[in-house]
Structures are given as C-alpha cells and as structure tokens.
Amino acid sequence: MDMPRYAKAVPFVVLPFVIRLDASSQAGGFSRNWIKPAERIETHIGYAWQWWGFSVALVAIWVFVNVKREEV
C-alpha cells in the first residue's frame, strides 16, 4: 500500500507506521492464517464470466423486446 498516497486521500491523520501481528503469536486469540488472493483467482474469473453472460443475455432480451418488426 502506498501510505503517503493513502494519507492524502483520507480525511483523517494517518500515522507513519503499520502494526502487524507476528505469525507465531497467538496474542488475544488472533490467528494470522490469511488466504492469499492468488489461490482463489479461478472463482473470481468464473464470476466475471457469469456476469458477462448475464449482461449479454440482458442486451439480447432488450433488443428482442424493443425492436419492432416491419409488417409486410
């Protein structure tokens, strides 16, 4: 994270340090077993394809409903 940029963007004072929990510490019952984002990227790509498909279907339905056929 770019801390100077973040400090300019928020309406409150940002101190010049970050506190992190030691991975070996269990202080206060907190555990540091974070999932890395790269491990679940397939899920996000699947959701992107799903919403892309919904948008294409919506446009197709809108065109079908709103385009008037010319009577012969």
PDB file of N, CA and C in Angstrom:
ATOM      1  N   MET A   1       0.849  -1.172   0.000  1.00  0.00           N
ATOM      2  CA  MET A   1       0.000   0.000   0.000  1.00  0.00           C
ATOM      3  C   MET A   1       0.894   1.235   0.000  1.00  0.00           C
ATOM      4  N   ASP A   2       0.534   2.193  -0.791  1.00  0.00           N
ATOM      5  CA  ASP A   2       1.271   3.458  -0.851  1.00  0.00           C
ATOM      6  C   ASP A   2       0.737   4.369   0.257  1.00  0.00           C
ATOM      7  N   MET A   3       1.409   4.359   1.410  1.00  0.00           N
ATOM      8  CA  MET A   3       0.914   5.086   2.586  1.00  0.00           C
ATOM      9  C   MET A   3       0.828   6.597   2.378  1.00  0.00           C
ATOM     10  N   PRO A   4       1.818   7.273   1.761  1.00  0.00           N
ATOM     11  CA  PRO A   4       1.668   8.718   1.547  1.00  0.00           C
ATOM     12  C   PRO A   4       0.455   9.061   0.679  1.00  0.00           C
ATOM     13  N   ARG A   5       0.210   8.260  -0.336  1.00  0.00           N
ATOM     14  CA  ARG A   5      -0.951   8.494  -1.202  1.00  0.00           C
ATOM     15  C   ARG A   5      -2.253   8.269  -0.426  1.00  0.00           C
ATOM     16  N   TYR A   6      -2.280   7.213   0.387  1.00  0.00           N
ATOM     17  CA  TYR A   6      -3.458   6.931   1.205  1.00  0.00           C
ATOM     18  C   TYR A   6      -3.706   8.056   2.203  1.00  0.00           C
ATOM     19  N   ALA A   7      -2.642   8.574   2.816  1.00  0.00           N
ATOM     20  CA  ALA A   7      -2.775   9.656   3.801  1.00  0.00           C
ATOM     21  C   ALA A   7      -3.379  10.907   3.172  1.00  0.00           C
ATOM     22  N   LYS A   8      -3.057  11.164   1.916  1.00  0.00           N
ATOM     23  CA  LYS A   8      -3.629  12.328   1.225  1.00  0.00           C
ATOM     24  C   LYS A   8      -5.097  12.108   0.862  1.00  0.00           C
ATOM     25  N   ALA A   9      -5.483  10.853   0.661  1.00  0.00           N
ATOM     26  CA  ALA A   9      -6.830  10.541   0.180  1.00  0.00           C
ATOM     27  C   ALA A   9      -7.884  10.488   1.283  1.00  0.00           C
ATOM     28  N   VAL A  10      -7.469  10.255   2.530  1.00  0.00           N
ATOM     29  CA  VAL A  10      -8.451  10.108   3.611  1.00  0.00           C
ATOM     30  C   VAL A  10      -8.547  11.385   4.438  1.00  0.00           C
ATOM     31  N   PRO A  11      -9.717  11.629   5.055  1.00  0.00           N
ATOM     32  CA  PRO A  11      -9.917  12.882   5.794  1.00  0.00           C
ATOM     33  C   PRO A  11      -9.428  12.848   7.245  1.00  0.00           C
ATOM     34  N   PHE A  12      -8.575  11.898   7.595  1.00  0.00           N
ATOM     35  CA  PHE A  12      -8.074  11.827   8.966  1.00  0.00           C
ATOM     36  C   PHE A  12      -6.562  11.643   8.954  1.00  0.00           C
ATOM     37  N   VAL A  13      -5.946  11.783  10.113  1.00  0.00           N
ATOM     38  CA  VAL A  13      -4.488  11.693  10.231  1.00  0.00           C
ATOM     39  C   VAL A  13      -4.057  10.228  10.175  1.00  0.00           C
ATOM     40  N   VAL A  14      -3.082   9.933   9.333  1.00  0.00           N
ATOM     41  CA  VAL A  14      -2.528   8.589   9.224  1.00  0.00           C
ATOM     42  C   VAL A  14      -1.124   8.619   9.808  1.00  0.00           C
ATOM     43  N   LEU A  15      -0.883   7.759  10.792  1.00  0.00           N
ATOM     44  CA  LEU A  15       0.432   7.703  11.425  1.00  0.00           C
ATOM     45  C   LEU A  15       1.414   6.980  10.511  1.00  0.00           C
ATOM     46  N   PRO A  16       2.710   7.289  10.609  1.00  0.00           N
ATOM     47  CA  PRO A  16       3.694   6.755   9.658  1.00  0.00           C
ATOM     48  C   PRO A  16       4.200   5.353   9.993  1.00  0.00           C
ATOM     49  N   PHE A  17       3.351   4.483  10.513  1.00  0.00           N
ATOM     50  CA  PHE A  17       3.770   3.111  10.777  1.00  0.00           C
ATOM     51  C   PHE A  17       2.571   2.174  10.656  1.00  0.00           C
ATOM     52  N   VAL A  18       2.873   0.884  10.503  1.00  0.00           N
ATOM     53  CA  VAL A  18       1.847  -0.147  10.379  1.00  0.00           C
ATOM     54  C   VAL A  18       2.124  -1.200  11.443  1.00  0.00           C
ATOM     55  N   ILE A  19       1.106  -1.628  12.165  1.00  0.00           N
ATOM     56  CA  ILE A  19       1.251  -2.662  13.184  1.00  0.00           C
ATOM     57  C   ILE A  19       0.763  -3.976  12.587  1.00  0.00           C
ATOM     58  N   ARG A  20       1.625  -4.995  12.655  1.00  0.00           N
ATOM     59  CA  ARG A  20       1.267  -6.311  12.138  1.00  0.00           C
ATOM     60  C   ARG A  20       1.401  -7.352  13.244  1.00  0.00           C
ATOM     61  N   LEU A  21       0.547  -8.340  13.224  1.00  0.00           N
ATOM     62  CA  LEU A  21       0.592  -9.422  14.185  1.00  0.00           C
ATOM     63  C   LEU A  21       1.676 -10.402  13.778  1.00  0.00           C
ATOM     64  N   ASP A  22       2.494 -10.797  14.730  1.00  0.00           N
ATOM     65  CA  ASP A  22       3.542 -11.782  14.478  1.00  0.00           C
ATOM     66  C   ASP A  22       2.883 -13.122  14.134  1.00  0.00           C
ATOM     67  N   ALA A  23       3.368 -13.785  13.109  1.00  0.00           N
ATOM     68  CA  ALA A  23       2.763 -15.034  12.650  1.00  0.00           C
ATOM     69  C   ALA A  23       2.814 -16.124  13.713  1.00  0.00           C
ATOM     70  N   SER A  24       3.833 -16.118  14.568  1.00  0.00           N
ATOM     71  CA  SER A  24       3.957 -17.155  15.595  1.00  0.00           C
ATOM     72  C   SER A  24       3.179 -16.816  16.864  1.00  0.00           C
ATOM     73  N   SER A  25       2.690 -15.596  16.996  1.00  0.00           N
ATOM     74  CA  SER A  25       1.985 -15.163  18.199  1.00  0.00           C
ATOM     75  C   SER A  25       0.503 -15.517  18.117  1.00  0.00           C
ATOM     76  N   GLN A  26      -0.051 -15.920  19.238  1.00  0.00           N
ATOM     77  CA  GLN A  26      -1.490 -16.172  19.343  1.00  0.00           C
ATOM     78  C   GLN A  26      -2.114 -15.182  20.318  1.00  0.00           C
ATOM     79  N   ALA A  27      -1.536 -13.995  20.414  1.00  0.00           N
ATOM     80  CA  ALA A  27      -1.970 -12.981  21.370  1.00  0.00           C
ATOM     81  C   ALA A  27      -3.425 -12.609  21.142  1.00  0.00           C
ATOM     82  N   GLY A  28      -4.197 -12.653  22.201  1.00  0.00           N
ATOM     83  CA  GLY A  28      -5.591 -12.246  22.120  1.00  0.00           C
ATOM     84  C   GLY A  28      -6.467 -13.197  21.330  1.00  0.00           C
ATOM     85  N   GLY A  29      -5.954 -14.372  20.994  1.00  0.00           N
ATOM     86  CA  GLY A  29      -6.743 -15.343  20.248  1.00  0.00           C
ATOM     87  C   GLY A  29      -6.772 -15.097  18.753  1.00  0.00           C
ATOM     88  N   PHE A  30      -6.017 -14.119  18.277  1.00  0.00           N
ATOM     89  CA  PHE A  30      -5.992 -13.825  16.843  1.00  0.00           C
ATOM     90  C   PHE A  30      -5.020 -14.761  16.145  1.00  0.00           C
ATOM     91  N   SER A  31      -5.429 -15.314  15.038  1.00  0.00           N
ATOM     92  CA  SER A  31      -4.521 -16.135  14.242  1.00  0.00           C
ATOM     93  C   SER A  31      -4.292 -15.447  12.907  1.00  0.00           C
ATOM     94  N   ARG A  32      -3.124 -15.638  12.362  1.00  0.00           N
ATOM     95  CA  ARG A  32      -2.752 -14.982  11.109  1.00  0.00           C
ATOM     96  C   ARG A  32      -2.650 -16.032  10.012  1.00  0.00           C
ATOM     97  N   ASN A  33      -3.763 -16.586   9.637  1.00  0.00           N
ATOM     98  CA  ASN A  33      -3.820 -17.590   8.577  1.00  0.00           C
ATOM     99  C   ASN A  33      -4.602 -17.020   7.405  1.00  0.00           C
ATOM    100  N   TRP A  34      -4.061 -16.000   6.794  1.00  0.00           N
ATOM    101  CA  TRP A  34      -4.751 -15.326   5.702  1.00  0.00           C
ATOM    102  C   TRP A  34      -4.616 -16.117   4.416  1.00  0.00           C
ATOM    103  N   ILE A  35      -5.678 -16.128   3.634  1.00  0.00           N
ATOM    104  CA  ILE A  35      -5.648 -16.779   2.328  1.00  0.00           C
ATOM    105  C   ILE A  35      -5.066 -15.796   1.320  1.00  0.00           C
ATOM    106  N   LYS A  36      -4.110 -16.266   0.549  1.00  0.00           N
ATOM    107  CA  LYS A  36      -3.536 -15.414  -0.491  1.00  0.00           C
ATOM    108  C   LYS A  36      -4.554 -15.278  -1.623  1.00  0.00           C
ATOM    109  N   PRO A  37      -4.753 -14.080  -2.158  1.00  0.00           N
ATOM    110  CA  PRO A  37      -5.740 -13.886  -3.224  1.00  0.00           C
ATOM    111  C   PRO A  37      -5.493 -14.749  -4.455  1.00  0.00           C
ATOM    112  N   ALA A  38      -4.244 -15.064  -4.763  1.00  0.00           N
ATOM    113  CA  ALA A  38      -3.937 -15.833  -5.965  1.00  0.00           C
ATOM    114  C   ALA A  38      -4.483 -17.257  -5.894  1.00  0.00           C
ATOM    115  N   GLU A  39      -4.766 -17.755  -4.698  1.00  0.00           N
ATOM    116  CA  GLU A  39      -5.250 -19.127  -4.562  1.00  0.00           C
ATOM    117  C   GLU A  39      -6.701 -19.276  -5.011  1.00  0.00           C
ATOM    118  N   ARG A  40      -7.462 -18.196  -5.020  1.00  0.00           N
ATOM    119  CA  ARG A  40      -8.877 -18.275  -5.380  1.00  0.00           C
ATOM    120  C   ARG A  40      -9.187 -17.460  -6.631  1.00  0.00           C
ATOM    121  N   ILE A  41      -8.219 -17.223  -7.479  1.00  0.00           N
ATOM    122  CA  ILE A  41      -8.431 -16.375  -8.651  1.00  0.00           C
ATOM    123  C   ILE A  41      -9.421 -17.018  -9.626  1.00  0.00           C
ATOM    124  N   GLU A  42      -9.477 -18.357  -9.680  1.00  0.00           N
ATOM    125  CA  GLU A  42     -10.402 -19.024 -10.595  1.00  0.00           C
ATOM    126  C   GLU A  42     -11.852 -18.694 -10.253  1.00  0.00           C
ATOM    127  N   THR A  43     -12.146 -18.562  -8.965  1.00  0.00           N
ATOM    128  CA  THR A  43     -13.501 -18.203  -8.548  1.00  0.00           C
ATOM    129  C   THR A  43     -13.877 -16.831  -9.080  1.00  0.00           C
ATOM    130  N   HIS A  44     -12.961 -15.884  -8.975  1.00  0.00           N
ATOM    131  CA  HIS A  44     -13.242 -14.527  -9.434  1.00  0.00           C
ATOM    132  C   HIS A  44     -13.398 -14.481 -10.951  1.00  0.00           C
ATOM    133  N   ILE A  45     -12.593 -15.245 -11.653  1.00  0.00           N
ATOM    134  CA  ILE A  45     -12.718 -15.302 -13.115  1.00  0.00           C
ATOM    135  C   ILE A  45     -14.060 -15.930 -13.496  1.00  0.00           C
ATOM    136  N   GLY A  46     -14.480 -16.943 -12.759  1.00  0.00           N
ATOM    137  CA  GLY A  46     -15.785 -17.560 -13.008  1.00  0.00           C
ATOM    138  C   GLY A  46     -16.926 -16.574 -12.817  1.00  0.00           C
ATOM    139  N   TYR A  47     -16.856 -15.770 -11.747  1.00  0.00           N
ATOM    140  CA  TYR A  47     -17.881 -14.752 -11.521  1.00  0.00           C
ATOM    141  C   TYR A  47     -17.865 -13.706 -12.637  1.00  0.00           C
ATOM    142  N   ALA A  48     -16.691 -13.343 -13.116  1.00  0.00           N
ATOM    143  CA  ALA A  48     -16.602 -12.364 -14.202  1.00  0.00           C
ATOM    144  C   ALA A  48     -17.282 -12.900 -15.455  1.00  0.00           C
ATOM    145  N   TRP A  49     -17.012 -14.160 -15.791  1.00  0.00           N
ATOM    146  CA  TRP A  49     -17.674 -14.754 -16.957  1.00  0.00           C
ATOM    147  C   TRP A  49     -19.178 -14.838 -16.742  1.00  0.00           C
ATOM    148  N   GLN A  50     -19.626 -15.163 -15.554  1.00  0.00           N
ATOM    149  CA  GLN A  50     -21.055 -15.259 -15.267  1.00  0.00           C
ATOM    150  C   GLN A  50     -21.741 -13.914 -15.474  1.00  0.00           C
ATOM    151  N   TRP A  51     -21.174 -12.835 -14.946  1.00  0.00           N
ATOM    152  CA  TRP A  51     -21.790 -11.516 -15.098  1.00  0.00           C
ATOM    153  C   TRP A  51     -21.708 -11.031 -16.541  1.00  0.00           C
ATOM    154  N   TRP A  52     -20.646 -11.386 -17.258  1.00  0.00           N
ATOM    155  CA  TRP A  52     -20.555 -11.042 -18.670  1.00  0.00           C
ATOM    156  C   TRP A  52     -21.686 -11.739 -19.432  1.00  0.00           C
ATOM    157  N   GLY A  53     -21.934 -13.001 -19.122  1.00  0.00           N
ATOM    158  CA  GLY A  53     -23.026 -13.733 -19.764  1.00  0.00           C
ATOM    159  C   GLY A  53     -24.385 -13.131 -19.453  1.00  0.00           C
ATOM    160  N   PHE A  54     -24.589 -12.718 -18.189  1.00  0.00           N
ATOM    161  CA  PHE A  54     -25.845 -12.058 -17.823  1.00  0.00           C
ATOM    162  C   PHE A  54     -26.043 -10.776 -18.610  1.00  0.00           C
ATOM    163  N   SER A  55     -24.977 -10.012 -18.775  1.00  0.00           N
ATOM    164  CA  SER A  55     -25.113  -8.737 -19.497  1.00  0.00           C
ATOM    165  C   SER A  55     -25.416  -8.974 -20.974  1.00  0.00           C
ATOM    166  N   VAL A  56     -24.787  -9.967 -21.574  1.00  0.00           N
ATOM    167  CA  VAL A  56     -25.074 -10.288 -22.978  1.00  0.00           C
ATOM    168  C   VAL A  56     -26.521 -10.755 -23.123  1.00  0.00           C
ATOM    169  N   ALA A  57     -26.985 -11.589 -22.204  1.00  0.00           N
ATOM    170  CA  ALA A  57     -28.376 -12.053 -22.250  1.00  0.00           C
ATOM    171  C   ALA A  57     -29.347 -10.889 -22.078  1.00  0.00           C
ATOM    172  N   LEU A  58     -29.039  -9.967 -21.173  1.00  0.00           N
ATOM    173  CA  LEU A  58     -29.903  -8.813 -20.959  1.00  0.00           C
ATOM    174  C   LEU A  58     -29.994  -7.945 -22.211  1.00  0.00           C
ATOM    175  N   VAL A  59     -28.871  -7.706 -22.866  1.00  0.00           N
ATOM    176  CA  VAL A  59     -28.877  -6.909 -24.097  1.00  0.00           C
ATOM    177  C   VAL A  59     -29.675  -7.634 -25.182  1.00  0.00           C
ATOM    178  N   ALA A  60     -29.499  -8.944 -25.298  1.00  0.00           N
ATOM    179  CA  ALA A  60     -30.234  -9.703 -26.312  1.00  0.00           C
ATOM    180  C   ALA A  60     -31.738  -9.651 -26.049  1.00  0.00           C
ATOM    181  N   ILE A  61     -32.138  -9.791 -24.798  1.00  0.00           N
ATOM    182  CA  ILE A  61     -33.564  -9.710 -24.455  1.00  0.00           C
ATOM    183  C   ILE A  61     -34.104  -8.317 -24.736  1.00  0.00           C
ATOM    184  N   TRP A  62     -33.353  -7.290 -24.392  1.00  0.00           N
ATOM    185  CA  TRP A  62     -33.791  -5.910 -24.634  1.00  0.00           C
ATOM    186  C   TRP A  62     -33.974  -5.661 -26.129  1.00  0.00           C
ATOM    187  N   VAL A  63     -33.031  -6.128 -26.939  1.00  0.00           N
ATOM    188  CA  VAL A  63     -33.136  -5.947 -28.392  1.00  0.00           C
ATOM    189  C   VAL A  63     -34.359  -6.697 -28.912  1.00  0.00           C
ATOM    190  N   PHE A  64     -34.577  -7.921 -28.473  1.00  0.00           N
ATOM    191  CA  PHE A  64     -35.716  -8.713 -28.925  1.00  0.00           C
ATOM    192  C   PHE A  64     -37.040  -8.043 -28.565  1.00  0.00           C
ATOM    193  N   VAL A  65     -37.134  -7.483 -27.377  1.00  0.00           N
ATOM    194  CA  VAL A  65     -38.380  -6.864 -26.920  1.00  0.00           C
ATOM    195  C   VAL A  65     -38.613  -5.512 -27.579  1.00  0.00           C
ATOM    196  N   ASN A  66     -37.581  -4.739 -27.835  1.00  0.00           N
ATOM    197  CA  ASN A  66     -37.744  -3.356 -28.280  1.00  0.00           C
ATOM    198  C   ASN A  66     -37.621  -3.129 -29.782  1.00  0.00           C
ATOM    199  N   VAL A  67     -37.159  -4.095 -30.524  1.00  0.00           N
ATOM    200  CA  VAL A  67     -37.049  -3.911 -31.974  1.00  0.00           C
ATOM    201  C   VAL A  67     -38.380  -4.319 -32.596  1.00  0.00           C
ATOM    202  N   LYS A  68     -38.979  -3.394 -33.327  1.00  0.00           N
ATOM    203  CA  LYS A  68     -40.281  -3.646 -33.960  1.00  0.00           C
ATOM    204  C   LYS A  68     -40.063  -4.296 -35.323  1.00  0.00           C
ATOM    205  N   ARG A  69     -40.879  -5.289 -35.595  1.00  0.00           N
ATOM    206  CA  ARG A  69     -40.799  -5.943 -36.898  1.00  0.00           C
ATOM    207  C   ARG A  69     -41.659  -5.178 -37.889  1.00  0.00           C
ATOM    208  N   GLU A  70     -41.177  -5.117 -39.102  1.00  0.00           N
ATOM    209  CA  GLU A  70     -41.911  -4.419 -40.148  1.00  0.00           C
ATOM    210  C   GLU A  70     -42.920  -5.384 -40.768  1.00  0.00           C
ATOM    211  N   GLU A  71     -44.189  -4.967 -40.794  1.00  0.00           N
ATOM    212  CA  GLU A  71     -45.218  -5.841 -41.361  1.00  0.00           C
ATOM    213  C   GLU A  71     -45.189  -5.748 -42.880  1.00  0.00           C
ATOM    214  N   VAL A  72     -45.377  -6.886 -43.522  1.00  0.00           N
ATOM    215  CA  VAL A  72     -45.309  -6.945 -44.977  1.00  0.00           C
ATOM    216  C   VAL A  72     -46.681  -6.889 -45.573  1.00  0.00           C
TER     217      VAL A  72
END
